[in-house]
Amino acid sequence: MPTFEQAAIPIQNVELYERLRGVFERLFSWEIESFLKAVKKKGLLIRHYEAVLGSGAMEQADRALAQMGTTARSLYESLPVSDRAQVREFYLVRLEQVDEATRRKFHQVYRLN
């Protein structure tokens, strides 16, 4: 029986995609507590991608992004639709990879509703 394999969709704007993906990597690794505190302060849920993206929480938590002179939302909106879908999926996968202790600590932003 054949197994399902997701089709690889090529990234159209590699440079911009990698910049935004790098922001998410920083936020979900060494900036995680700062990021989750910012999300909590804004009263948002971490899985609400569009709301978090537009809230300023990413810029608040990631100095490198703040120094770029742009916003996460602006980077995202500059991507073609197919790249947006892939970077959004990357964000959603990374938020689920946060260690359990951190997720418990920030249970308010990780709750489903």
C-alpha atoms as a PDB file:
ATOM      1  CA  MET A   1       0.000   0.000   0.000  1.00  0.00           C
ATOM      2  CA  PRO A   2       1.531   3.353  -1.019  1.00  0.00           C
ATOM      3  CA  THR A   3       2.100   5.926   1.708  1.00  0.00           C
ATOM      4  CA  PHE A   4       1.035   9.536   1.458  1.00  0.00           C
ATOM      5  CA  GLU A   5       3.788  12.019   0.717  1.00  0.00           C
ATOM      6  CA  GLN A   6       3.135  15.727   0.774  1.00  0.00           C
ATOM      7  CA  ALA A   7       4.118  17.343  -2.489  1.00  0.00           C
ATOM      8  CA  ALA A   8       7.090  19.639  -2.208  1.00  0.00           C
ATOM      9  CA  ILE A   9       6.038  23.099  -3.288  1.00  0.00           C
ATOM     10  CA  PRO A  10       9.058  25.176  -4.270  1.00  0.00           C
ATOM     11  CA  ILE A  11       9.572  28.456  -2.444  1.00  0.00           C
ATOM     12  CA  GLN A  12       9.214  31.363  -4.854  1.00  0.00           C
ATOM     13  CA  ASN A  13      10.868  34.116  -2.807  1.00  0.00           C
ATOM     14  CA  VAL A  14      13.598  32.203  -0.978  1.00  0.00           C
ATOM     15  CA  GLU A  15      15.335  35.244   0.552  1.00  0.00           C
ATOM     16  CA  LEU A  16      12.202  36.716   2.105  1.00  0.00           C
ATOM     17  CA  TYR A  17      10.881  33.312   3.152  1.00  0.00           C
ATOM     18  CA  GLU A  18      14.167  32.520   4.930  1.00  0.00           C
ATOM     19  CA  ARG A  19      14.178  35.903   6.696  1.00  0.00           C
ATOM     20  CA  LEU A  20      10.717  35.297   8.145  1.00  0.00           C
ATOM     21  CA  ARG A  21      11.472  31.672   8.927  1.00  0.00           C
ATOM     22  CA  GLY A  22      14.593  32.873  10.767  1.00  0.00           C
ATOM     23  CA  VAL A  23      12.428  35.209  12.846  1.00  0.00           C
ATOM     24  CA  PHE A  24      10.218  32.271  13.819  1.00  0.00           C
ATOM     25  CA  GLU A  25      13.260  30.126  14.631  1.00  0.00           C
ATOM     26  CA  ARG A  26      14.609  32.797  16.974  1.00  0.00           C
ATOM     27  CA  LEU A  27      11.213  33.360  18.578  1.00  0.00           C
ATOM     28  CA  PHE A  28      10.626  29.674  19.242  1.00  0.00           C
ATOM     29  CA  SER A  29      14.130  28.948  20.473  1.00  0.00           C
ATOM     30  CA  TRP A  30      16.175  31.456  22.449  1.00  0.00           C
ATOM     31  CA  GLU A  31      13.495  34.209  22.498  1.00  0.00           C
ATOM     32  CA  ILE A  32      10.612  31.892  23.477  1.00  0.00           C
ATOM     33  CA  GLU A  33       9.866  33.234  26.960  1.00  0.00           C
ATOM     34  CA  SER A  34      10.042  36.844  25.824  1.00  0.00           C
ATOM     35  CA  PHE A  35       7.789  36.041  22.854  1.00  0.00           C
ATOM     36  CA  LEU A  36       5.208  34.155  24.905  1.00  0.00           C
ATOM     37  CA  LYS A  37       5.163  36.948  27.509  1.00  0.00           C
ATOM     38  CA  ALA A  38       4.496  39.469  24.732  1.00  0.00           C
ATOM     39  CA  VAL A  39       1.707  37.296  23.292  1.00  0.00           C
ATOM     40  CA  LYS A  40       0.185  36.883  26.758  1.00  0.00           C
ATOM     41  CA  LYS A  41       0.380  40.626  27.433  1.00  0.00           C
ATOM     42  CA  LYS A  42      -1.524  41.270  24.187  1.00  0.00           C
ATOM     43  CA  GLY A  43      -4.243  38.814  25.331  1.00  0.00           C
ATOM     44  CA  LEU A  44      -3.736  36.535  22.331  1.00  0.00           C
ATOM     45  CA  LEU A  45      -3.557  32.803  21.759  1.00  0.00           C
ATOM     46  CA  ILE A  46      -0.337  31.564  20.154  1.00  0.00           C
ATOM     47  CA  ARG A  47      -2.184  29.502  17.512  1.00  0.00           C
ATOM     48  CA  HIS A  48      -4.013  32.587  16.198  1.00  0.00           C
ATOM     49  CA  TYR A  49      -1.318  33.240  13.620  1.00  0.00           C
ATOM     50  CA  GLU A  50      -2.760  36.320  11.925  1.00  0.00           C
ATOM     51  CA  ALA A  51      -3.527  38.044  15.238  1.00  0.00           C
ATOM     52  CA  VAL A  52      -0.063  37.322  16.643  1.00  0.00           C
ATOM     53  CA  LEU A  53       1.558  38.376  13.370  1.00  0.00           C
ATOM     54  CA  GLY A  54      -0.148  41.763  13.432  1.00  0.00           C
ATOM     55  CA  SER A  55       0.105  42.394  17.181  1.00  0.00           C
ATOM     56  CA  GLY A  56       3.700  43.594  17.406  1.00  0.00           C
ATOM     57  CA  ALA A  57       4.577  40.764  19.820  1.00  0.00           C
ATOM     58  CA  MET A  58       7.181  39.381  17.420  1.00  0.00           C
ATOM     59  CA  GLU A  59       8.912  42.724  17.052  1.00  0.00           C
ATOM     60  CA  GLN A  60       8.789  43.229  20.810  1.00  0.00           C
ATOM     61  CA  ALA A  61      10.455  39.852  21.491  1.00  0.00           C
ATOM     62  CA  ASP A  62      12.977  39.707  18.636  1.00  0.00           C
ATOM     63  CA  ARG A  63      15.547  42.509  18.580  1.00  0.00           C
ATOM     64  CA  ALA A  64      16.916  41.367  15.224  1.00  0.00           C
ATOM     65  CA  LEU A  65      13.472  41.788  13.651  1.00  0.00           C
ATOM     66  CA  ALA A  66      13.022  45.180  15.306  1.00  0.00           C
ATOM     67  CA  GLN A  67      16.399  46.272  13.892  1.00  0.00           C
ATOM     68  CA  MET A  68      15.398  45.238  10.344  1.00  0.00           C
ATOM     69  CA  GLY A  69      13.148  48.285  10.149  1.00  0.00           C
ATOM     70  CA  THR A  70      10.178  46.179   9.102  1.00  0.00           C
ATOM     71  CA  THR A  71       7.507  44.036  10.725  1.00  0.00           C
ATOM     72  CA  ALA A  72       6.748  40.336  10.598  1.00  0.00           C
ATOM     73  CA  ARG A  73       3.398  41.165   9.021  1.00  0.00           C
ATOM     74  CA  SER A  74       5.078  43.250   6.318  1.00  0.00           C
ATOM     75  CA  LEU A  75       7.510  40.424   5.511  1.00  0.00           C
ATOM     76  CA  TYR A  76       4.624  37.956   5.418  1.00  0.00           C
ATOM     77  CA  GLU A  77       2.476  40.131   3.175  1.00  0.00           C
ATOM     78  CA  SER A  78       5.373  40.554   0.739  1.00  0.00           C
ATOM     79  CA  LEU A  79       5.473  36.817   0.109  1.00  0.00           C
ATOM     80  CA  PRO A  80       3.521  35.088  -2.671  1.00  0.00           C
ATOM     81  CA  VAL A  81       0.483  33.131  -1.459  1.00  0.00           C
ATOM     82  CA  SER A  82       2.177  29.718  -1.707  1.00  0.00           C
ATOM     83  CA  ASP A  83       5.163  30.933   0.349  1.00  0.00           C
ATOM     84  CA  ARG A  84       2.783  32.449   2.907  1.00  0.00           C
ATOM     85  CA  ALA A  85       1.103  29.085   3.356  1.00  0.00           C
ATOM     86  CA  GLN A  86       4.426  27.347   3.895  1.00  0.00           C
ATOM     87  CA  VAL A  87       5.794  29.895   6.373  1.00  0.00           C
ATOM     88  CA  ARG A  88       2.489  29.814   8.278  1.00  0.00           C
ATOM     89  CA  GLU A  89       2.727  26.027   8.465  1.00  0.00           C
ATOM     90  CA  PHE A  90       6.314  26.336   9.714  1.00  0.00           C
ATOM     91  CA  TYR A  91       5.132  28.702  12.480  1.00  0.00           C
ATOM     92  CA  LEU A  92       2.361  26.316  13.536  1.00  0.00           C
ATOM     93  CA  VAL A  93       4.734  23.336  13.590  1.00  0.00           C
ATOM     94  CA  ARG A  94       7.352  25.244  15.612  1.00  0.00           C
ATOM     95  CA  LEU A  95       4.866  26.374  18.265  1.00  0.00           C
ATOM     96  CA  GLU A  96       3.964  22.726  18.880  1.00  0.00           C
ATOM     97  CA  GLN A  97       7.659  21.846  19.318  1.00  0.00           C
ATOM     98  CA  VAL A  98       8.095  24.111  22.337  1.00  0.00           C
ATOM     99  CA  ASP A  99       9.043  22.045  25.380  1.00  0.00           C
ATOM    100  CA  GLU A 100       6.275  20.906  27.686  1.00  0.00           C
ATOM    101  CA  ALA A 101       7.510  22.870  30.727  1.00  0.00           C
ATOM    102  CA  THR A 102       7.376  26.158  28.801  1.00  0.00           C
ATOM    103  CA  ARG A 103       3.971  25.287  27.379  1.00  0.00           C
ATOM    104  CA  ARG A 104       2.646  24.607  30.902  1.00  0.00           C
ATOM    105  CA  LYS A 105       4.139  27.864  32.163  1.00  0.00           C
ATOM    106  CA  PHE A 106       2.329  29.757  29.388  1.00  0.00           C
ATOM    107  CA  HIS A 107      -0.801  27.624  29.358  1.00  0.00           C
ATOM    108  CA  GLN A 108      -2.927  30.762  28.899  1.00  0.00           C
ATOM    109  CA  VAL A 109      -1.527  31.399  25.412  1.00  0.00           C
ATOM    110  CA  TYR A 110      -1.463  27.694  24.492  1.00  0.00           C
ATOM    111  CA  ARG A 111      -5.057  26.912  25.394  1.00  0.00           C
ATOM    112  CA  LEU A 112      -7.292  26.006  22.491  1.00  0.00           C
ATOM    113  CA  ASN A 113     -10.015  28.584  23.108  1.00  0.00           C
END
